[in-house]
Amino acid sequence: MGNITVDSSSGCLKASTHQSALDVYVSQLGKVELKSHKGSILVKVASSLQAHLQLSGKEVDVNSEVHVQEMAKAHKDDGVIVTGLMNQGSKQEKWIKADAPKGTISFRSQSWFQSLKLQD
């Protein structure tokens, strides 16, 4: 199985895969729900994005460049759940949920310009 890449999401996105890795860039959002049963998930977000986060995986890596308030880390079974608010996001309308029970979730910020993948 190949990996699944979503370059820009503005609105609702739901993606689920069994063994593939997910690579998603989110610029503006409503609800984003990602699940990889056996693979890893890379979530790149616009630094100004406001969202409630719920990231659960065997490992969760939130890059220090991302501003997450009220970040909490809980250990469950043989994994980790990280929750928090990005840029004072409200919990109701906008959220990102990512679940990779057997893999790593990497969460980092990426500018819109970087998302264009421009070459010199």
N, C-alpha and C. Protein backbone atom coordinates (compact mmCIF):
# COMPACT_ATOMS: atom_id res chain seq x y z
N MET A 1 0.85 -1.20 0.00
CA MET A 1 0.00 0.00 0.00
C MET A 1 0.88 1.25 0.00
N GLY A 2 0.48 2.25 -0.78
CA GLY A 2 1.22 3.51 -0.80
C GLY A 2 0.76 4.41 0.32
N ASN A 3 1.48 5.49 0.50
CA ASN A 3 1.10 6.45 1.53
C ASN A 3 0.03 7.38 0.98
N ILE A 4 -0.71 8.00 1.87
CA ILE A 4 -1.76 8.93 1.47
C ILE A 4 -1.32 10.33 1.85
N THR A 5 -1.29 11.23 0.86
CA THR A 5 -0.88 12.61 1.11
C THR A 5 -2.03 13.54 0.75
N VAL A 6 -2.39 14.42 1.68
CA VAL A 6 -3.40 15.44 1.41
C VAL A 6 -2.72 16.78 1.59
N ASP A 7 -2.63 17.58 0.51
CA ASP A 7 -1.83 18.79 0.58
C ASP A 7 -2.53 19.99 1.18
N SER A 8 -3.82 20.11 1.01
CA SER A 8 -4.47 21.27 1.62
C SER A 8 -5.88 20.89 1.96
N SER A 9 -6.25 21.15 3.17
CA SER A 9 -7.60 20.85 3.59
C SER A 9 -8.16 22.10 4.22
N SER A 10 -9.28 22.56 3.69
CA SER A 10 -9.98 23.64 4.37
C SER A 10 -11.42 23.18 4.43
N GLY A 11 -11.84 22.80 5.61
CA GLY A 11 -13.16 22.22 5.77
C GLY A 11 -13.05 20.93 6.53
N CYS A 12 -13.92 19.98 6.24
CA CYS A 12 -13.92 18.72 6.97
C CYS A 12 -13.14 17.68 6.19
N LEU A 13 -12.38 16.91 6.92
CA LEU A 13 -11.58 15.86 6.29
C LEU A 13 -11.63 14.64 7.18
N LYS A 14 -11.94 13.50 6.58
CA LYS A 14 -11.90 12.26 7.34
C LYS A 14 -11.11 11.26 6.51
N ALA A 15 -10.04 10.74 7.04
CA ALA A 15 -9.22 9.78 6.30
C ALA A 15 -8.85 8.64 7.23
N SER A 16 -8.98 7.43 6.70
CA SER A 16 -8.65 6.26 7.49
C SER A 16 -7.90 5.29 6.60
N THR A 17 -6.85 4.69 7.13
CA THR A 17 -6.08 3.74 6.34
C THR A 17 -5.65 2.60 7.25
N HIS A 18 -5.43 1.44 6.65
CA HIS A 18 -5.08 0.30 7.48
C HIS A 18 -3.58 0.25 7.77
N GLN A 19 -2.77 0.23 6.70
CA GLN A 19 -1.33 0.09 6.92
C GLN A 19 -0.52 1.28 6.41
N SER A 20 -1.13 2.14 5.62
CA SER A 20 -0.39 3.25 5.02
C SER A 20 -0.10 4.34 6.04
N ALA A 21 0.87 5.19 5.70
CA ALA A 21 1.12 6.40 6.48
C ALA A 21 0.24 7.51 5.91
N LEU A 22 -0.19 8.41 6.77
CA LEU A 22 -0.96 9.58 6.33
C LEU A 22 -0.08 10.81 6.47
N ASP A 23 -0.12 11.68 5.46
CA ASP A 23 0.65 12.93 5.48
C ASP A 23 -0.33 14.02 5.07
N VAL A 24 -0.70 14.87 6.02
CA VAL A 24 -1.78 15.83 5.78
C VAL A 24 -1.34 17.24 6.12
N TYR A 25 -1.65 18.19 5.23
CA TYR A 25 -1.43 19.62 5.52
C TYR A 25 -2.79 20.26 5.70
N VAL A 26 -2.98 20.96 6.81
CA VAL A 26 -4.26 21.58 7.11
C VAL A 26 -4.07 23.09 7.20
N SER A 27 -4.80 23.84 6.35
CA SER A 27 -4.65 25.30 6.38
C SER A 27 -5.77 25.97 7.18
N GLN A 28 -7.01 25.60 6.90
CA GLN A 28 -8.14 26.10 7.69
C GLN A 28 -9.01 24.88 7.88
N LEU A 29 -9.73 24.83 8.96
CA LEU A 29 -10.47 23.59 9.10
C LEU A 29 -11.79 23.72 9.79
N GLY A 30 -12.59 22.68 9.61
CA GLY A 30 -13.76 22.44 10.43
C GLY A 30 -13.38 21.29 11.33
N LYS A 31 -13.61 20.07 10.83
CA LYS A 31 -13.28 18.88 11.61
C LYS A 31 -12.36 17.99 10.79
N VAL A 32 -11.26 17.59 11.39
CA VAL A 32 -10.33 16.69 10.72
C VAL A 32 -10.17 15.45 11.58
N GLU A 33 -10.42 14.30 10.97
CA GLU A 33 -10.34 13.03 11.70
C GLU A 33 -9.46 12.09 10.90
N LEU A 34 -8.35 11.68 11.49
CA LEU A 34 -7.37 10.85 10.78
C LEU A 34 -7.12 9.58 11.57
N LYS A 35 -7.05 8.46 10.87
CA LYS A 35 -6.75 7.21 11.58
C LYS A 35 -5.88 6.34 10.69
N SER A 36 -4.80 5.83 11.26
CA SER A 36 -3.98 4.84 10.57
C SER A 36 -3.82 3.67 11.52
N HIS A 37 -4.43 2.53 11.18
CA HIS A 37 -4.46 1.39 12.10
C HIS A 37 -3.06 0.86 12.40
N LYS A 38 -2.20 0.80 11.37
CA LYS A 38 -0.86 0.24 11.60
C LYS A 38 0.26 1.18 11.19
N GLY A 39 -0.06 2.31 10.55
CA GLY A 39 0.98 3.23 10.08
C GLY A 39 1.12 4.43 10.98
N SER A 40 1.89 5.42 10.49
CA SER A 40 2.11 6.66 11.23
C SER A 40 1.36 7.80 10.55
N ILE A 41 1.22 8.91 11.27
CA ILE A 41 0.50 10.07 10.73
C ILE A 41 1.37 11.31 10.92
N LEU A 42 1.54 12.08 9.84
CA LEU A 42 2.22 13.37 9.91
C LEU A 42 1.18 14.44 9.63
N VAL A 43 0.96 15.33 10.60
CA VAL A 43 0.01 16.42 10.43
C VAL A 43 0.79 17.72 10.42
N LYS A 44 0.66 18.47 9.31
CA LYS A 44 1.31 19.78 9.22
C LYS A 44 0.19 20.81 9.19
N VAL A 45 0.33 21.84 10.01
CA VAL A 45 -0.75 22.83 10.11
C VAL A 45 -0.21 24.23 9.88
N ALA A 46 -1.07 25.11 9.40
CA ALA A 46 -0.73 26.52 9.30
C ALA A 46 -0.53 27.04 10.71
N SER A 47 0.50 27.86 10.92
CA SER A 47 0.82 28.28 12.29
C SER A 47 -0.27 29.12 12.94
N SER A 48 -1.15 29.72 12.12
CA SER A 48 -2.22 30.56 12.67
C SER A 48 -3.50 29.77 12.95
N LEU A 49 -3.48 28.48 12.65
CA LEU A 49 -4.69 27.66 12.78
C LEU A 49 -5.19 27.63 14.21
N GLN A 50 -6.51 27.72 14.37
CA GLN A 50 -7.12 27.58 15.69
C GLN A 50 -7.83 26.23 15.73
N ALA A 51 -7.47 25.40 16.69
CA ALA A 51 -8.09 24.08 16.73
C ALA A 51 -7.91 23.44 18.09
N HIS A 52 -8.82 22.52 18.38
CA HIS A 52 -8.71 21.65 19.54
C HIS A 52 -8.03 20.38 19.05
N LEU A 53 -7.03 19.90 19.77
CA LEU A 53 -6.26 18.74 19.32
C LEU A 53 -6.51 17.53 20.19
N GLN A 54 -6.60 16.38 19.54
CA GLN A 54 -6.61 15.12 20.28
C GLN A 54 -5.79 14.13 19.44
N LEU A 55 -4.58 13.88 19.91
CA LEU A 55 -3.64 13.06 19.15
C LEU A 55 -3.31 11.82 19.96
N SER A 56 -3.63 10.65 19.42
CA SER A 56 -3.32 9.44 20.18
C SER A 56 -2.55 8.46 19.31
N GLY A 57 -1.46 7.95 19.86
CA GLY A 57 -0.64 7.01 19.11
C GLY A 57 0.30 6.27 20.02
N LYS A 58 1.09 5.37 19.42
CA LYS A 58 2.11 4.67 20.21
C LYS A 58 3.10 5.72 20.72
N GLU A 59 3.41 6.70 19.82
CA GLU A 59 4.21 7.87 20.22
C GLU A 59 3.56 9.10 19.62
N VAL A 60 3.64 10.22 20.32
CA VAL A 60 3.12 11.49 19.79
C VAL A 60 4.21 12.53 19.93
N ASP A 61 4.54 13.18 18.83
CA ASP A 61 5.59 14.18 18.81
C ASP A 61 5.02 15.50 18.32
N VAL A 62 4.89 16.47 19.24
CA VAL A 62 4.39 17.80 18.88
C VAL A 62 5.59 18.73 18.82
N ASN A 63 5.84 19.28 17.65
CA ASN A 63 7.00 20.16 17.46
C ASN A 63 6.87 21.39 18.35
N SER A 64 7.99 21.83 18.91
CA SER A 64 7.96 22.96 19.85
C SER A 64 7.58 24.28 19.17
N GLU A 65 7.65 24.34 17.83
CA GLU A 65 7.24 25.57 17.13
C GLU A 65 5.72 25.78 17.18
N VAL A 66 4.99 24.71 17.41
CA VAL A 66 3.52 24.81 17.42
C VAL A 66 3.10 25.33 18.79
N HIS A 67 2.24 26.36 18.80
CA HIS A 67 1.79 26.95 20.07
C HIS A 67 0.53 26.24 20.54
N VAL A 68 0.70 25.36 21.53
CA VAL A 68 -0.44 24.61 22.05
C VAL A 68 -0.63 24.99 23.51
N GLN A 69 -1.85 25.47 23.82
CA GLN A 69 -2.17 25.79 25.21
C GLN A 69 -2.87 24.60 25.85
N GLU A 70 -2.80 24.56 27.17
CA GLU A 70 -3.49 23.51 27.94
C GLU A 70 -3.10 22.12 27.44
N MET A 71 -1.83 21.96 27.06
CA MET A 71 -1.43 20.65 26.54
C MET A 71 -1.35 19.65 27.67
N ALA A 72 -1.97 18.50 27.46
CA ALA A 72 -1.96 17.44 28.46
C ALA A 72 -1.58 16.13 27.79
N LYS A 73 -0.80 15.33 28.50
CA LYS A 73 -0.35 14.05 27.95
C LYS A 73 -0.80 12.96 28.91
N ALA A 74 -1.49 11.96 28.37
CA ALA A 74 -1.94 10.85 29.21
C ALA A 74 -1.47 9.54 28.60
N HIS A 75 -1.07 8.60 29.44
CA HIS A 75 -0.65 7.30 28.94
C HIS A 75 -1.82 6.34 29.04
N LYS A 76 -2.10 5.65 27.92
CA LYS A 76 -3.24 4.73 27.90
C LYS A 76 -2.80 3.45 27.21
N ASP A 77 -3.03 2.33 27.83
CA ASP A 77 -2.59 1.03 27.30
C ASP A 77 -1.10 1.13 26.96
N ASP A 78 -0.72 0.91 25.69
CA ASP A 78 0.71 1.05 25.38
C ASP A 78 0.91 2.24 24.46
N GLY A 79 0.11 3.30 24.69
CA GLY A 79 0.24 4.50 23.86
C GLY A 79 0.11 5.77 24.66
N VAL A 80 0.01 6.86 23.95
CA VAL A 80 -0.04 8.20 24.54
C VAL A 80 -1.18 8.98 23.90
N ILE A 81 -1.87 9.79 24.69
CA ILE A 81 -2.89 10.70 24.14
C ILE A 81 -2.49 12.12 24.53
N VAL A 82 -2.35 12.98 23.54
CA VAL A 82 -2.03 14.38 23.79
C VAL A 82 -3.23 15.22 23.39
N THR A 83 -3.68 16.08 24.30
CA THR A 83 -4.78 16.99 23.98
C THR A 83 -4.31 18.42 24.22
N GLY A 84 -4.97 19.37 23.59
CA GLY A 84 -4.62 20.76 23.79
C GLY A 84 -5.39 21.67 22.86
N LEU A 85 -5.17 22.96 23.03
CA LEU A 85 -5.81 23.96 22.19
C LEU A 85 -4.72 24.71 21.43
N MET A 86 -4.87 24.81 20.13
CA MET A 86 -3.90 25.51 19.32
C MET A 86 -4.42 26.92 19.06
N ASN A 87 -3.64 27.93 19.42
CA ASN A 87 -4.02 29.34 19.22
C ASN A 87 -5.41 29.65 19.77
N GLN A 88 -5.66 29.23 20.99
CA GLN A 88 -6.93 29.51 21.68
C GLN A 88 -8.14 28.99 20.91
N GLY A 89 -7.99 27.89 20.22
CA GLY A 89 -9.12 27.33 19.45
C GLY A 89 -10.26 26.92 20.37
N SER A 90 -11.47 27.01 19.86
CA SER A 90 -12.61 26.58 20.67
C SER A 90 -12.86 25.10 20.40
N LYS A 91 -13.30 24.39 21.42
CA LYS A 91 -13.39 22.94 21.29
C LYS A 91 -14.52 22.51 20.36
N GLN A 92 -15.56 23.31 20.25
CA GLN A 92 -16.75 22.83 19.56
C GLN A 92 -16.59 22.70 18.05
N GLU A 93 -16.25 23.80 17.37
CA GLU A 93 -16.37 23.76 15.92
C GLU A 93 -15.16 23.18 15.21
N LYS A 94 -13.96 23.46 15.74
CA LYS A 94 -12.78 23.12 14.96
C LYS A 94 -11.89 22.18 15.75
N TRP A 95 -11.65 21.01 15.21
CA TRP A 95 -10.77 20.11 15.92
C TRP A 95 -10.03 19.20 14.96
N ILE A 96 -8.90 18.70 15.45
CA ILE A 96 -8.11 17.72 14.72
C ILE A 96 -7.97 16.51 15.64
N LYS A 97 -8.43 15.37 15.15
CA LYS A 97 -8.27 14.12 15.90
C LYS A 97 -7.41 13.21 15.04
N ALA A 98 -6.36 12.69 15.62
CA ALA A 98 -5.52 11.75 14.89
C ALA A 98 -5.26 10.54 15.78
N ASP A 99 -5.34 9.37 15.18
CA ASP A 99 -5.21 8.14 15.95
C ASP A 99 -4.33 7.16 15.18
N ALA A 100 -3.21 6.79 15.78
CA ALA A 100 -2.29 5.82 15.17
C ALA A 100 -1.85 4.85 16.27
N PRO A 101 -2.70 3.86 16.59
CA PRO A 101 -2.40 3.00 17.75
C PRO A 101 -1.08 2.23 17.67
N LYS A 102 -0.60 1.98 16.45
CA LYS A 102 0.65 1.23 16.31
C LYS A 102 1.79 2.10 15.78
N GLY A 103 1.53 3.39 15.54
CA GLY A 103 2.55 4.24 14.93
C GLY A 103 2.75 5.54 15.68
N THR A 104 3.51 6.43 15.05
CA THR A 104 3.84 7.73 15.64
C THR A 104 2.99 8.81 14.99
N ILE A 105 2.52 9.75 15.80
CA ILE A 105 1.89 10.95 15.25
C ILE A 105 2.87 12.09 15.40
N SER A 106 3.19 12.74 14.27
CA SER A 106 4.06 13.92 14.29
C SER A 106 3.20 15.11 13.94
N PHE A 107 3.28 16.15 14.76
CA PHE A 107 2.44 17.33 14.57
C PHE A 107 3.36 18.53 14.50
N ARG A 108 3.36 19.25 13.36
CA ARG A 108 4.24 20.41 13.23
C ARG A 108 3.59 21.51 12.42
N SER A 109 4.14 22.71 12.54
CA SER A 109 3.58 23.82 11.76
C SER A 109 4.34 23.96 10.46
N GLN A 110 3.64 24.43 9.46
CA GLN A 110 4.25 24.62 8.14
C GLN A 110 3.55 25.82 7.52
N SER A 111 4.32 26.73 6.97
CA SER A 111 3.71 27.90 6.36
C SER A 111 3.05 27.51 5.03
N TRP A 112 2.13 28.34 4.60
CA TRP A 112 1.48 28.11 3.32
C TRP A 112 2.53 28.08 2.22
N PHE A 113 3.52 28.93 2.33
CA PHE A 113 4.59 29.02 1.34
C PHE A 113 5.36 27.70 1.27
N GLN A 114 5.68 27.14 2.43
CA GLN A 114 6.39 25.84 2.47
C GLN A 114 5.53 24.74 1.85
N SER A 115 4.21 24.86 2.00
CA SER A 115 3.34 23.80 1.49
C SER A 115 3.35 23.75 -0.03
N LEU A 116 3.78 24.83 -0.67
CA LEU A 116 3.83 24.84 -2.14
C LEU A 116 4.96 23.99 -2.69
N LYS A 117 5.92 23.63 -1.80
CA LYS A 117 7.05 22.80 -2.20
C LYS A 117 7.81 23.42 -3.39
N LEU A 118 8.06 24.71 -3.31
CA LEU A 118 8.76 25.37 -4.41
C LEU A 118 10.23 24.96 -4.46
N GLN A 119 10.72 24.73 -5.64
CA GLN A 119 12.15 24.41 -5.83
C GLN A 119 12.84 25.64 -6.38
N ASP A 120 14.16 25.79 -6.08
CA ASP A 120 14.82 26.94 -6.71
C ASP A 120 15.29 26.55 -8.11
